[in-house]
Protein backbone atom coordinates (compact mmCIF):
# COMPACT_ATOMS: atom_id res chain seq x y z
CA MET A 1 -10.63 -0.17 -8.45
CA LEU A 2 -11.51 -1.71 -5.11
CA THR A 3 -15.05 -2.28 -3.96
CA PHE A 4 -16.44 -2.81 -0.48
CA GLY A 5 -19.79 -4.35 -1.28
CA ASP A 6 -19.51 -7.55 0.73
CA GLN A 7 -20.42 -7.79 4.40
CA SER A 8 -16.90 -8.65 5.48
CA GLY A 9 -15.63 -5.26 4.31
CA ALA A 10 -12.70 -6.92 2.52
CA ALA A 11 -11.61 -5.16 -0.66
CA GLN A 12 -11.84 -7.08 -3.91
CA PRO A 13 -9.77 -6.23 -7.00
CA ALA A 14 -11.67 -4.99 -10.03
CA GLN A 15 -12.04 -7.43 -12.90
CA ALA A 16 -11.26 -6.43 -16.48
CA ALA A 17 -14.95 -6.82 -17.36
CA ASP A 18 -15.79 -4.15 -14.79
CA LEU A 19 -13.29 -1.71 -16.26
CA ILE A 20 -14.28 -1.88 -19.95
CA LYS A 21 -17.76 -2.46 -21.28
CA ASP A 22 -20.01 -1.82 -24.27
CA GLY A 23 -22.56 0.88 -23.60
CA SER A 24 -25.77 2.06 -25.21
CA GLU A 25 -28.34 4.80 -24.94
CA ALA A 26 -30.21 2.67 -22.40
CA THR A 27 -27.18 2.23 -20.15
CA PHE A 28 -25.42 5.57 -20.67
CA MET A 29 -26.91 7.18 -17.57
CA ALA A 30 -25.90 4.29 -15.29
CA ASP A 31 -22.56 3.50 -16.92
CA VAL A 32 -21.27 7.03 -17.49
CA ILE A 33 -23.20 9.75 -15.67
CA GLU A 34 -23.79 7.84 -12.44
CA GLY A 35 -20.79 5.58 -12.93
CA SER A 36 -18.38 8.51 -12.92
CA ALA A 37 -19.44 9.74 -9.47
CA ASP A 38 -16.24 8.44 -7.84
CA VAL A 39 -14.15 6.97 -10.66
CA PRO A 40 -13.63 8.78 -14.00
CA VAL A 41 -15.18 7.10 -17.04
CA ILE A 42 -13.63 7.36 -20.50
CA VAL A 43 -16.15 7.02 -23.34
CA ASP A 44 -14.95 5.87 -26.75
CA PHE A 45 -17.35 6.81 -29.55
CA TRP A 46 -16.72 4.51 -32.51
CA ALA A 47 -18.30 2.60 -35.39
CA PRO A 48 -17.49 -0.73 -37.04
CA TRP A 49 -16.74 0.94 -40.40
CA CYS A 50 -14.25 3.43 -38.89
CA GLY A 51 -10.63 2.50 -39.68
CA PRO A 52 -8.94 4.78 -37.09
CA CYS A 53 -11.39 3.46 -34.47
CA LYS A 54 -9.98 -0.02 -34.95
CA GLN A 55 -6.53 1.37 -34.18
CA LEU A 56 -7.54 3.57 -31.25
CA GLY A 57 -9.93 1.22 -29.46
CA PRO A 58 -7.53 -1.58 -28.48
CA ALA A 59 -4.77 0.87 -27.58
CA LEU A 60 -7.14 2.85 -25.35
CA GLU A 61 -8.37 -0.35 -23.73
CA ALA A 62 -4.77 -1.33 -22.98
CA ALA A 63 -4.09 2.05 -21.35
CA VAL A 64 -7.26 1.80 -19.24
CA THR A 65 -6.40 -1.74 -18.16
CA ALA A 66 -2.88 -0.61 -17.20
CA ALA A 67 -4.41 2.09 -14.96
CA LYS A 68 -5.70 -0.74 -12.73
CA GLY A 69 -9.04 0.66 -11.72
CA LYS A 70 -8.29 4.38 -11.61
CA VAL A 71 -10.52 4.84 -14.66
CA ARG A 72 -13.26 2.88 -16.41
CA MET A 73 -14.08 2.77 -20.11
CA VAL A 74 -17.39 2.58 -21.96
CA LYS A 75 -17.54 1.97 -25.72
CA ILE A 76 -20.44 3.56 -27.60
CA ASN A 77 -21.28 2.55 -31.16
CA VAL A 78 -22.51 5.82 -32.70
CA ASP A 79 -24.61 3.98 -35.30
CA GLU A 80 -26.57 2.32 -32.51
CA SER A 81 -26.71 5.39 -30.23
CA PRO A 82 -27.50 8.38 -32.46
CA ASN A 83 -29.25 10.39 -29.74
CA ILE A 84 -26.24 10.43 -27.44
CA SER A 85 -23.97 11.28 -30.35
CA ALA A 86 -26.22 14.20 -31.22
CA GLN A 87 -26.46 15.47 -27.66
CA LEU A 88 -22.67 15.45 -27.28
CA ARG A 89 -22.22 16.88 -30.79
CA ILE A 90 -20.05 14.04 -32.01
CA GLN A 91 -19.13 15.18 -35.52
CA SER A 92 -16.34 12.75 -36.34
CA ILE A 93 -14.99 9.50 -34.96
CA PRO A 94 -13.13 8.28 -33.13
CA THR A 95 -14.02 10.79 -30.42
CA VAL A 96 -13.15 10.21 -26.78
CA TYR A 97 -14.69 12.01 -23.83
CA ALA A 98 -13.75 11.63 -20.16
CA PHE A 99 -16.48 12.06 -17.56
CA PHE A 100 -16.07 12.66 -13.85
CA GLN A 101 -18.87 13.25 -11.37
CA GLY A 102 -21.36 13.19 -14.23
CA LYS A 103 -19.73 15.87 -16.37
CA PRO A 104 -17.36 15.78 -19.37
CA VAL A 105 -13.93 16.96 -18.19
CA ASP A 106 -11.60 16.17 -21.09
CA GLY A 107 -11.46 14.58 -24.50
CA PHE A 108 -9.91 14.35 -27.94
CA GLN A 109 -10.66 13.35 -31.54
CA GLY A 110 -8.76 11.00 -33.80
CA ALA A 111 -6.19 8.32 -33.07
CA LEU A 112 -3.28 9.08 -30.74
CA PRO A 113 0.04 7.28 -30.19
CA ALA A 114 0.25 4.95 -27.20
CA SER A 115 2.38 7.37 -25.17
CA GLU A 116 -0.21 10.15 -25.48
CA LEU A 117 -3.04 7.75 -24.65
CA LYS A 118 -1.19 6.68 -21.53
CA ALA A 119 -0.71 10.31 -20.48
CA PHE A 120 -4.38 11.07 -21.15
CA VAL A 121 -5.58 8.12 -19.07
CA GLU A 122 -3.20 8.97 -16.22
CA LYS A 123 -4.37 12.59 -16.24
CA VAL A 124 -8.02 11.55 -16.12
CA GLY A 125 -7.34 8.88 -13.51
CA ALA A 126 -5.76 11.44 -11.21
CA LEU A 127 -9.13 13.23 -10.97
CA GLY A 128 -10.54 10.34 -9.00
CA GLY A 129 -7.65 10.06 -6.57
CA ASP A 130 -6.22 6.59 -6.04
CA GLY A 131 -9.21 4.54 -7.09
CA GLY A 132 -10.16 3.69 -3.52
CA LEU A 133 -6.78 2.27 -2.50
CA ALA A 134 -6.43 4.60 0.49
CA ASP A 135 -9.81 3.51 1.82
CA ALA A 136 -8.88 -0.13 1.28
CA ILE A 137 -5.60 0.30 3.17
CA GLU A 138 -7.42 2.01 6.03
CA ALA A 139 -9.94 -0.85 6.15
CA ALA A 140 -7.15 -3.44 6.18
CA GLU A 141 -5.32 -1.61 8.96
CA THR A 142 -8.52 -1.58 11.00
CA MET A 143 -8.89 -5.32 10.49
CA LEU A 144 -5.31 -5.86 11.64
CA THR A 145 -5.81 -3.68 14.72
CA GLU A 146 -8.99 -5.55 15.63
CA GLY A 147 -7.26 -8.92 15.34
CA ASP A 148 -8.67 -9.99 11.99
CA ALA A 149 -5.27 -10.61 10.44
CA ALA A 150 -6.51 -13.14 7.87
CA ASP A 151 -8.92 -10.69 6.23
CA ALA A 152 -6.31 -7.95 6.50
CA LEU A 153 -3.84 -10.17 4.68
CA GLU A 154 -6.35 -10.86 1.91
CA THR A 155 -7.12 -7.16 1.55
CA PHE A 156 -3.48 -6.07 1.44
CA ALA A 157 -2.86 -8.75 -1.21
CA ALA A 158 -5.78 -7.44 -3.28
CA ILE A 159 -4.41 -3.91 -3.07
CA LEU A 160 -1.00 -5.11 -4.27
CA GLU A 161 -2.66 -6.73 -7.29
CA GLU A 162 -3.88 -3.26 -8.17
CA GLU A 163 -0.68 -1.41 -7.26
CA PRO A 164 2.34 -3.70 -6.76
CA GLU A 165 4.57 -0.88 -5.50
CA ASN A 166 2.18 0.40 -2.83
CA VAL A 167 4.53 0.60 0.14
CA LEU A 168 1.78 0.79 2.77
CA ALA A 169 0.08 -2.31 1.42
CA PHE A 170 3.37 -4.19 1.17
CA ALA A 171 4.32 -3.38 4.74
CA GLY A 172 0.79 -4.24 5.85
CA LEU A 173 0.99 -7.59 4.10
CA VAL A 174 4.20 -8.45 5.97
CA ARG A 175 2.72 -7.33 9.31
CA ALA A 176 -0.39 -9.45 8.67
CA HIS A 177 1.83 -12.49 8.09
CA ILE A 178 3.64 -11.70 11.34
CA ALA A 179 0.34 -11.38 13.21
CA LEU A 180 -0.64 -14.82 11.88
CA ASP A 181 2.69 -16.21 13.11
CA GLN A 182 3.74 -16.78 9.50
CA VAL A 183 7.30 -15.51 9.76
CA PRO A 184 8.65 -17.52 6.79
CA GLN A 185 5.91 -16.08 4.59
CA ALA A 186 6.67 -12.60 5.90
CA GLU A 187 10.33 -13.05 5.02
CA ALA A 188 9.43 -14.37 1.58
CA ALA A 189 7.29 -11.30 0.96
CA LEU A 190 10.14 -9.03 2.05
CA ALA A 191 12.52 -10.84 -0.28
CA ALA A 192 10.18 -9.98 -3.16
CA VAL A 193 9.77 -6.29 -2.30
CA PRO A 194 10.14 -4.12 -5.43
CA ALA A 195 13.45 -2.26 -5.57
CA LYS A 196 11.62 1.06 -5.85
CA ILE A 197 10.23 0.78 -2.31
CA ALA A 198 12.86 -1.45 -0.71
CA THR A 199 14.33 1.36 1.40
CA ALA A 200 11.04 2.98 2.43
CA LYS A 201 10.70 3.54 6.17
CA GLU A 202 7.62 1.29 6.30
CA ILE A 203 9.62 -1.58 4.78
CA GLU A 204 12.53 -0.93 7.14
CA ALA A 205 10.03 -1.11 10.01
CA VAL A 206 8.82 -4.60 9.13
CA ARG A 207 12.41 -5.73 8.58
CA ALA A 208 13.16 -4.55 12.10
CA GLN A 209 10.13 -6.42 13.45
CA ILE A 210 11.30 -9.66 11.88
CA ALA A 211 14.84 -9.15 13.21
CA LEU A 212 13.42 -8.72 16.71
CA ILE A 213 11.30 -11.86 16.32
CA HIS A 214 14.42 -13.89 15.53
CA GLN A 215 16.21 -12.35 18.51
CA ALA A 216 13.27 -13.22 20.76
CA ALA A 217 13.47 -16.86 19.69
CA ASN A 218 17.03 -16.99 21.00
CA ALA A 219 16.51 -14.89 24.11
CA GLY A 220 17.73 -16.35 27.40
CA PRO A 221 15.66 -16.75 30.59
CA GLU A 222 14.81 -13.32 31.99
CA THR A 223 15.19 -14.39 35.64
CA GLU A 224 18.68 -15.79 35.14
CA LEU A 225 19.79 -12.74 33.16
CA ARG A 226 18.51 -10.38 35.85
CA ALA A 227 20.49 -12.36 38.41
CA ALA A 228 23.61 -12.11 36.23
CA VAL A 229 23.26 -8.32 35.92
CA ASP A 230 22.63 -7.95 39.66
CA ALA A 231 25.69 -10.07 40.43
CA ASP A 232 27.92 -8.10 38.07
CA PRO A 233 26.58 -4.70 36.97
CA ASP A 234 29.53 -4.32 34.58
CA ASN A 235 28.60 -7.46 32.65
CA LEU A 236 27.52 -5.64 29.50
CA GLN A 237 26.72 -8.79 27.56
CA ALA A 238 24.32 -9.84 30.30
CA ARG A 239 22.70 -6.39 30.12
CA PHE A 240 22.31 -6.70 26.35
CA ASP A 241 20.89 -10.21 26.63
CA LEU A 242 18.50 -9.11 29.36
CA ALA A 243 17.27 -6.26 27.14
CA THR A 244 16.61 -8.83 24.41
CA ALA A 245 14.70 -11.05 26.83
CA LEU A 246 12.68 -8.10 28.12
CA HIS A 247 11.68 -7.10 24.60
CA ALA A 248 10.75 -10.69 23.80
CA SER A 249 8.38 -10.75 26.78
CA GLY A 250 6.73 -7.49 25.74
CA LYS A 251 8.51 -5.24 28.25
CA ILE A 252 9.62 -2.87 25.51
CA GLU A 253 10.08 0.27 27.58
CA GLU A 254 12.17 -1.58 30.13
CA ALA A 255 14.26 -3.08 27.32
CA VAL A 256 14.89 0.39 25.93
CA GLU A 257 15.95 1.70 29.35
CA MET A 258 18.34 -1.23 29.76
CA LEU A 259 19.93 -0.51 26.38
CA LEU A 260 20.17 3.20 27.13
CA ASP A 261 21.97 2.37 30.37
CA LEU A 262 24.30 0.05 28.49
CA PHE A 263 25.05 2.81 25.96
CA ARG A 264 25.72 5.25 28.81
CA ARG A 265 28.21 2.81 30.33
CA ASP A 266 30.06 2.07 27.08
CA ARG A 267 28.71 3.45 23.85
CA GLU A 268 31.29 1.61 21.72
CA TRP A 269 30.79 -1.82 23.30
CA ASN A 270 30.49 -4.61 20.70
CA ASP A 271 30.57 -2.19 17.75
CA ALA A 272 27.95 0.11 19.31
CA ALA A 273 25.52 -2.81 19.67
CA ALA A 274 23.32 -0.95 22.15
CA LYS A 275 22.70 1.95 19.78
CA THR A 276 22.08 -0.41 16.86
CA GLN A 277 19.58 -2.40 18.89
CA LEU A 278 17.83 0.75 20.02
CA PHE A 279 17.41 1.89 16.43
CA THR A 280 16.03 -1.54 15.51
CA ILE A 281 13.43 -1.26 18.26
CA PHE A 282 12.58 2.32 17.31
CA ASP A 283 12.20 1.35 13.65
CA ALA A 284 9.86 -1.51 14.53
CA LEU A 285 7.49 0.79 16.46
CA PRO A 286 5.25 3.56 15.09
CA PRO A 287 7.30 6.78 14.77
CA LYS A 288 5.13 8.66 17.29
CA ASP A 289 5.00 5.90 19.88
CA PRO A 290 5.78 7.44 23.30
CA ILE A 291 8.50 4.84 23.86
CA VAL A 292 10.18 5.88 20.61
CA LEU A 293 9.90 9.61 21.29
CA LYS A 294 11.22 9.30 24.85
CA GLY A 295 13.95 6.83 23.90
CA ARG A 296 15.22 8.85 20.95
CA ARG A 297 15.30 11.99 23.09
CA LYS A 298 17.37 10.27 25.78
CA LEU A 299 19.71 8.68 23.23
CA SER A 300 20.26 12.00 21.48
CA SER A 301 21.04 13.73 24.74
CA MET A 302 23.77 11.15 25.43
CA ILE A 303 25.17 11.25 21.89
CA PHE A 304 25.45 15.01 21.76
CA VAL A 305 26.42 15.66 25.36
């Protein structure tokens, strides 16, 4: 689970000690009833003399730990907490109850195989949503938008500790590196992207951003390239290079128009380089960016004319 208790607003990953704890009658209200307001709490009722409890307890703890904050676990020794056991009508142990928003929502008695425990924990965890990850991502994106890339980077990294295949956090991490002018680190992060999300559109977007950064580093002088195009309007290489220089200087819409004009003149030039470059620019921008919407519409009208 991620918490937002500090003044910076940066998310911090939950520690194992926060996920699993020993409870009692004195702490049951805080740990379970109030504690399950946002995140489900699984309560394991056990006793030291109970053989099946010794089998179930560690396996249940492992399943809760693997859920990475989507559930918490409280262990109640029934010998030390007879009143709670009586109120919940615990007749045999081990007994497991799951609480969410202060109420019992699921449970079982006896030991279960690891696969069934995993399914139980996942089912209970789903009641609480994503354990706060969506809020953490939104907070990190806000930091990035407001220019606080360092805190955004830290927050995205914390989210990935909780959920290593979170595509939004992974893409955000790369964009934070880019914002900090840490291109090698951004490329290293991309090289380590899990195969499961490697082709996600958000990952393709940051790949495109890095490709454009490398192009910008090699872009020629805009003034000279404009002069070359003016001197010879059919110099398609000069047009392509000028588009690269324009994009590098932040004149994205003008770069797109230059590439569209190049495509109109010769769509197959240099293995359809104009179209490829347009798609790279479109991928690097938000899908609903006006430049993307207008550019895609114009490109489609030329392709399907």
